[in-house]
Amino acid sequence: MNTYQIVLFSFFAIISIMVVLDKNVAEYIVLLTKIVKLQFDRYMFMLKYHPKNPITNYIQAQKMNKLALELQREFEQRADS
């Protein structure tokens, strides 16, 4: 084993021992992972729905153009009937 693996193993061994000995450490780790997931979801939401994002603006413009064409065809069909 190289030094990197020994350090990682030691780190996880210490964390595991602390979880076994103290219930609060386990709860802290669970809450910490929830916070990290929440921050990740927040950044993904901001990336997807920020008004200055050109990719999402293009996708939304394409959806709106498609909807406008469908509504125009439907209107023309009703006008002809």
Protein backbone atom coordinates (compact mmCIF):
# COMPACT_ATOMS: atom_id res chain seq x y z
CA MET A 1 0.00 0.00 0.00
CA ASN A 2 1.23 3.45 -0.79
CA THR A 3 1.01 6.49 1.47
CA TYR A 4 -2.18 7.82 -0.11
CA GLN A 5 -4.05 4.58 0.57
CA ILE A 6 -2.76 4.42 4.14
CA VAL A 7 -3.92 7.97 4.83
CA LEU A 8 -7.36 7.30 3.35
CA PHE A 9 -7.74 4.05 5.25
CA SER A 10 -6.70 5.75 8.50
CA PHE A 11 -9.12 8.62 7.93
CA PHE A 12 -12.08 6.32 7.27
CA ALA A 13 -11.09 4.04 10.15
CA ILE A 14 -11.07 6.98 12.57
CA ILE A 15 -14.42 8.22 11.26
CA SER A 16 -15.89 4.71 11.57
CA ILE A 17 -14.67 4.36 15.17
CA MET A 18 -16.14 7.78 16.02
CA VAL A 19 -19.51 6.77 14.49
CA VAL A 20 -19.58 3.57 16.51
CA LEU A 21 -18.66 5.31 19.76
CA ASP A 22 -20.83 8.42 19.47
CA LYS A 23 -24.32 8.64 17.97
CA ASN A 24 -24.01 12.40 17.39
CA VAL A 25 -21.17 11.90 14.89
CA ALA A 26 -23.39 9.68 12.75
CA GLU A 27 -26.19 12.25 12.87
CA TYR A 28 -23.73 15.00 11.98
CA ILE A 29 -22.49 13.05 8.96
CA VAL A 30 -26.06 12.44 7.78
CA LEU A 31 -26.92 16.13 8.14
CA LEU A 32 -23.71 17.15 6.41
CA THR A 33 -24.51 14.94 3.41
CA LYS A 34 -28.02 16.43 3.26
CA ILE A 35 -26.55 19.94 3.24
CA VAL A 36 -24.15 19.01 0.43
CA LYS A 37 -27.00 17.49 -1.61
CA LEU A 38 -29.16 20.57 -1.01
CA GLN A 39 -26.36 22.90 -2.16
CA PHE A 40 -25.80 20.76 -5.26
CA ASP A 41 -29.52 20.84 -6.08
CA ARG A 42 -29.56 24.60 -5.54
CA TYR A 43 -26.66 25.15 -7.96
CA MET A 44 -28.24 22.84 -10.54
CA PHE A 45 -31.55 24.73 -10.26
CA MET A 46 -29.74 28.04 -10.70
CA LEU A 47 -27.84 26.68 -13.69
CA LYS A 48 -31.00 25.38 -15.36
CA TYR A 49 -33.33 28.31 -14.74
CA HIS A 50 -31.15 31.41 -14.61
CA PRO A 51 -32.53 33.96 -17.11
CA LYS A 52 -29.08 34.81 -18.51
CA ASN A 53 -28.22 31.22 -19.40
CA PRO A 54 -28.15 31.13 -23.22
CA ILE A 55 -28.64 27.37 -23.48
CA THR A 56 -31.86 27.32 -21.48
CA ASN A 57 -33.06 30.47 -23.24
CA TYR A 58 -32.58 28.73 -26.60
CA ILE A 59 -34.41 25.60 -25.42
CA GLN A 60 -37.32 27.64 -24.06
CA ALA A 61 -37.50 29.69 -27.26
CA GLN A 62 -37.71 26.49 -29.30
CA LYS A 63 -40.51 25.17 -27.07
CA MET A 64 -42.42 28.45 -27.38
CA ASN A 65 -42.01 28.50 -31.18
CA LYS A 66 -43.31 24.94 -31.41
CA LEU A 67 -46.29 25.80 -29.21
CA ALA A 68 -47.00 28.93 -31.25
CA LEU A 69 -47.01 26.92 -34.49
CA GLU A 70 -49.37 24.32 -33.00
CA LEU A 71 -51.74 27.03 -31.78
CA GLN A 72 -51.62 28.78 -35.15
CA ARG A 73 -52.49 25.53 -36.97
CA GLU A 74 -55.33 24.87 -34.53
CA PHE A 75 -56.65 28.41 -35.00
CA GLU A 76 -56.51 28.09 -38.79
CA GLN A 77 -58.36 24.75 -38.64
CA ARG A 78 -61.14 26.28 -36.52
CA ALA A 79 -61.36 29.32 -38.83
CA ASP A 80 -61.76 27.06 -41.88
CA SER A 81 -64.54 25.02 -40.26
